[in-house]
Protein backbone atom coordinates (compact mmCIF):
# COMPACT_ATOMS: atom_id res chain seq x y z
CA MET A 1 0.12 -0.07 0.31
CA ASN A 2 1.46 3.45 -0.91
CA PHE A 3 0.23 6.36 1.06
CA GLY A 4 -0.10 10.19 -0.07
CA ILE A 5 -0.32 13.36 1.13
CA ILE A 6 -2.30 16.43 -0.22
CA ALA A 7 -0.79 19.73 1.59
CA ALA A 8 -0.90 22.24 -1.08
CA GLY A 9 -4.06 24.39 -0.53
CA GLU A 10 -3.70 27.93 0.47
CA GLY A 11 -4.91 28.11 3.60
CA SER A 12 -6.37 31.75 3.17
CA ARG A 13 -8.92 31.45 6.08
CA LEU A 14 -5.96 30.22 8.37
CA LYS A 15 -4.13 33.57 6.70
CA LYS A 16 -6.01 36.28 7.81
CA GLU A 17 -6.11 34.80 10.98
CA ASN A 18 -2.58 35.43 11.33
CA ALA A 19 -1.99 31.78 12.15
CA GLY A 20 2.04 32.26 12.20
CA ALA A 21 2.38 29.20 9.92
CA SER A 22 1.83 27.40 6.77
CA LYS A 23 -0.83 25.09 7.67
CA PRO A 24 0.43 21.94 7.29
CA LEU A 25 3.15 22.76 9.87
CA LEU A 26 0.14 24.12 12.32
CA LYS A 27 -0.09 22.13 15.60
CA ILE A 28 -2.20 20.21 18.17
CA ASN A 29 -0.92 18.71 21.22
CA GLY A 30 2.36 20.12 19.40
CA ILE A 31 2.75 17.79 17.27
CA PRO A 32 2.48 19.48 13.01
CA LEU A 33 -0.34 18.35 11.17
CA ILE A 34 1.95 16.90 8.23
CA GLU A 35 4.14 15.06 10.90
CA ARG A 36 0.83 13.09 12.38
CA LEU A 37 0.20 11.92 8.50
CA PHE A 38 3.79 10.82 8.23
CA THR A 39 3.83 9.04 11.56
CA LEU A 40 0.51 7.46 11.37
CA ALA A 41 1.41 5.85 7.35
CA GLU A 42 4.59 4.83 8.75
CA ASN A 43 3.28 3.11 11.49
CA ASN A 44 0.55 1.64 9.62
CA GLY A 45 2.21 -0.22 6.21
CA ALA A 46 3.30 2.41 4.39
CA GLU A 47 5.74 1.17 1.53
CA SER A 48 5.93 4.40 0.29
CA ILE A 49 4.88 8.29 1.07
CA SER A 50 4.29 10.57 -1.45
CA CYS A 51 3.27 14.26 -0.36
CA ILE A 52 2.74 17.72 -2.33
CA VAL A 53 3.52 21.39 -0.92
CA ASN A 54 2.04 24.60 -2.58
CA GLU A 55 5.55 26.87 -3.92
CA GLU A 56 5.03 29.11 -1.15
CA SER A 57 5.12 26.71 1.98
CA GLY A 58 8.70 27.35 2.33
CA ASP A 59 8.86 26.24 5.90
CA VAL A 60 6.71 22.85 4.87
CA TYR A 61 9.58 22.06 2.70
CA GLU A 62 12.22 23.14 4.93
CA TYR A 63 10.53 20.77 7.56
CA ILE A 64 10.57 17.85 5.30
CA ASN A 65 13.72 17.98 3.99
CA ASN A 66 14.93 17.70 7.32
CA ARG A 67 12.94 14.59 8.34
CA LYS A 68 14.07 11.23 8.32
CA PHE A 69 11.64 8.73 6.58
CA THR A 70 11.38 4.81 7.59
CA VAL A 71 10.07 4.35 3.86
CA PRO A 72 10.61 5.90 0.11
CA PHE A 73 9.53 9.38 0.22
CA ASN A 74 8.55 11.22 -2.76
CA PHE A 75 8.08 15.36 -2.62
CA ILE A 76 6.67 17.60 -5.08
CA ILE A 77 6.43 20.70 -4.83
CA LYS A 78 3.80 22.56 -6.93
CA SER A 79 1.03 24.49 -6.65
CA THR A 80 -1.87 23.30 -8.62
CA PRO A 81 -5.81 25.25 -8.94
CA SER A 82 -7.54 22.41 -6.88
CA SER A 83 -6.92 19.39 -4.79
CA LEU A 84 -8.20 17.64 -8.06
CA HIS A 85 -4.83 18.84 -9.53
CA SER A 86 -2.68 17.87 -6.30
CA PHE A 87 -4.32 14.56 -6.51
CA PHE A 88 -3.14 13.69 -10.16
CA ALA A 89 0.19 15.45 -10.11
CA LEU A 90 1.12 12.35 -6.87
CA SER A 91 -0.41 9.76 -9.59
CA PRO A 92 2.94 8.86 -10.97
CA PHE A 93 3.93 7.33 -6.94
CA LEU A 94 0.58 5.73 -6.21
CA LYS A 95 -0.69 4.32 -9.67
CA GLY A 96 -0.04 0.02 -9.79
CA LYS A 97 -1.67 -1.21 -6.18
CA PRO A 98 -3.60 -0.35 -3.30
CA PHE A 99 -3.61 3.32 -1.68
CA CYS A 100 -4.44 5.46 0.74
CA LEU A 101 -4.96 9.12 0.22
CA THR A 102 -5.49 11.95 2.97
CA THR A 103 -5.87 15.76 2.90
CA VAL A 104 -3.13 17.22 5.76
CA ASP A 105 -6.31 19.21 7.60
CA SER A 106 -8.22 15.88 8.52
CA ILE A 107 -8.23 15.32 12.16
CA PHE A 108 -9.89 12.17 13.40
CA ASN A 109 -9.60 8.67 15.58
CA GLU A 110 -6.02 6.59 15.09
CA ASP A 111 -7.47 3.46 16.15
CA GLU A 112 -10.14 4.13 13.73
CA PHE A 113 -8.33 5.09 10.81
CA LYS A 114 -5.77 2.23 11.50
CA MET A 115 -9.55 -0.21 11.11
CA PHE A 116 -10.21 1.65 8.12
CA LEU A 117 -7.12 0.80 6.58
CA ASN A 118 -6.94 -3.06 7.08
CA ASP A 119 -10.96 -3.24 6.19
CA SER A 120 -9.87 -1.02 2.97
CA LYS A 121 -7.10 -3.84 1.99
CA ASN A 122 -9.62 -6.57 2.21
CA GLU A 123 -12.30 -5.14 0.64
CA ASN A 124 -12.55 -6.82 -3.11
CA ASN A 125 -16.18 -5.46 -3.84
CA PHE A 126 -15.07 -2.19 -4.03
CA ASP A 127 -13.33 0.22 -6.00
CA GLY A 128 -12.97 2.75 -3.31
CA ILE A 129 -13.52 3.51 0.51
CA LEU A 130 -14.56 6.94 1.77
CA ALA A 131 -14.05 7.79 5.03
CA VAL A 132 -17.27 9.70 6.21
CA THR A 133 -18.78 10.89 9.38
CA ASP A 134 -21.93 12.01 10.64
CA PHE A 135 -20.56 15.20 12.39
CA ILE A 136 -20.76 17.47 9.59
CA ASP A 137 -18.80 20.96 10.57
CA ASP A 138 -17.73 21.80 6.97
CA GLU A 139 -18.16 25.21 5.47
CA LYS A 140 -18.61 23.49 2.23
CA PRO A 141 -19.44 19.53 3.10
CA LEU A 142 -19.58 16.94 0.45
CA CYS A 143 -22.18 14.56 1.62
CA VAL A 144 -23.53 11.00 0.80
CA GLU A 145 -26.14 9.08 0.15
CA VAL A 146 -25.66 5.26 0.96
CA ASN A 147 -27.90 2.04 1.04
CA ASP A 148 -28.09 -0.43 3.54
CA ASP A 149 -24.69 -1.74 2.79
CA MET A 150 -22.90 1.52 2.69
CA LYS A 151 -22.79 1.66 -0.63
CA ILE A 152 -22.24 4.78 -2.10
CA ILE A 153 -25.01 6.26 -4.30
CA SER A 154 -25.17 10.03 -4.81
CA PHE A 155 -23.19 12.87 -3.68
CA TYR A 156 -24.53 16.43 -2.71
CA ASP A 157 -22.80 19.55 -2.70
CA GLU A 158 -25.20 20.41 0.77
CA ALA A 159 -25.78 19.33 4.36
CA ALA A 160 -29.32 18.93 4.77
CA ASN A 161 -31.39 15.84 4.83
CA HIS A 162 -27.75 13.86 4.66
CA LYS A 163 -26.49 11.80 7.48
CA TYR A 164 -22.78 11.92 6.24
CA ALA A 165 -20.03 13.63 4.57
CA THR A 166 -16.71 12.92 3.26
CA GLY A 167 -13.83 13.27 5.80
CA GLY A 168 -10.69 13.80 3.24
CA ILE A 169 -9.22 10.03 3.76
CA TYR A 170 -9.66 7.85 0.80
CA PHE A 171 -8.30 4.66 -0.06
CA PHE A 172 -8.33 3.15 -3.71
CA ASN A 173 -7.72 -0.25 -4.92
CA SER A 174 -8.72 0.55 -8.58
CA ASP A 175 -7.35 2.26 -11.24
CA ILE A 176 -8.93 5.76 -10.84
CA PHE A 177 -6.22 7.65 -12.96
CA PRO A 178 -7.79 7.52 -16.50
CA VAL A 179 -10.69 9.06 -15.40
CA MET A 180 -8.94 11.78 -13.58
CA GLU A 181 -6.85 12.40 -16.37
CA LYS A 182 -9.81 12.95 -18.98
CA ILE A 183 -11.87 15.07 -16.48
CA ILE A 184 -8.95 17.37 -15.97
CA ASN A 185 -8.73 17.89 -19.80
CA ASN A 186 -11.93 18.68 -19.87
CA ASN A 187 -10.92 21.68 -17.15
CA VAL A 188 -13.19 20.20 -14.35
CA MET A 189 -11.83 21.33 -11.26
CA ARG A 190 -12.16 20.15 -7.77
CA LEU A 191 -11.90 16.85 -6.47
CA ARG A 192 -15.54 16.03 -5.76
CA ASN A 193 -16.37 16.44 -9.25
CA PHE A 194 -13.92 13.44 -9.63
CA LEU A 195 -15.76 11.33 -7.10
CA LYS A 196 -19.14 12.28 -8.70
CA GLN A 197 -17.55 11.48 -11.98
CA LEU A 198 -16.45 7.99 -10.75
CA LEU A 199 -20.10 6.87 -9.93
CA ILE A 200 -21.36 8.22 -13.54
CA LYS A 201 -18.59 5.69 -14.94
CA ASN A 202 -19.94 2.86 -12.47
CA TYR A 203 -16.90 2.28 -9.76
CA GLN A 204 -18.00 1.15 -7.15
CA LEU A 205 -17.34 3.18 -3.73
CA LYS A 206 -18.12 2.72 -0.33
CA ALA A 207 -18.48 4.73 2.84
CA TYR A 208 -16.42 4.08 5.99
CA PRO A 209 -17.97 5.79 8.96
CA PHE A 210 -15.57 7.62 11.41
CA SER A 211 -17.17 8.89 14.62
CA LYS A 212 -15.87 12.37 14.16
CA ILE A 213 -13.55 13.96 11.35
CA ILE A 214 -12.85 17.69 11.98
CA ASP A 215 -11.58 19.67 8.90
CA ILE A 216 -9.10 22.40 10.47
CA ASP A 217 -10.27 25.71 8.64
CA HIS A 218 -9.95 27.83 11.47
CA LEU A 219 -7.91 28.88 14.73
CA LYS A 220 -10.41 27.24 16.42
CA ASP A 221 -10.77 24.38 14.53
CA LEU A 222 -7.18 23.54 16.56
CA ALA A 223 -8.97 23.58 19.67
CA ALA A 224 -11.91 22.18 18.74
CA ALA A 225 -9.51 19.22 17.54
CA GLU A 226 -7.17 19.14 20.12
CA GLU A 227 -10.39 18.75 22.75
CA PHE A 228 -11.48 16.00 20.86
CA LEU A 229 -8.14 14.00 20.69
CA ASN A 230 -7.59 14.69 24.34
CA SER A 231 -10.71 13.16 25.22
CA LEU A 232 -10.07 9.78 23.03
CA THR A 233 -6.92 9.58 25.42
CA VAL A 234 -9.02 10.04 28.40
CA ALA A 235 -11.52 7.54 27.30
CA GLY A 236 -8.75 5.11 26.46
CA ASN A 237 -7.35 5.08 29.89
């Protein structure tokens, strides 16, 4: 299993709030967001890690260049027009075997993430497995409709009347990049439009529920994420 991390967003809302660092280096309980994902990948069977950051995030690639990885690491410095284009930029390192992709700003229960990976590796009936949550706090959520088997039937761009929203964690067993390349060549933007296109092309997608996934868009989200992770530690004791 390969592992990809999209960390190329501008983090414009955080910049307006004077966050003091690029989003991937913002800390939760003293650990940068991107470091948390590197460690999770290394500890959960990643054969390689590939990461993309934008050209303006000098502090991020300085951090990465000073880190020692325990598995092969591929690094792309490129500003892209959307997360979809960032995903496609990682494709040379992800294609050919199952892979997990995460966005740098998703905070979740690490035990649930481990179960997600283990279950996804053994899932032969679906082309892709998407982490979802019924904790919908995103300003622009991508919601899903599922059947009784958690198969994704439809995507929606609003939260009203929908139980689950995607959480920025994906596992793919199939080669989805020909579809991605085609829609990018047709000037399609946004990762969510690619996911919708996969359904149109009859790819089988499954929703995998997490108890909570917090998307870091504002400084207040950092505090909420720390409270969430600390509550898990207390519960574990």
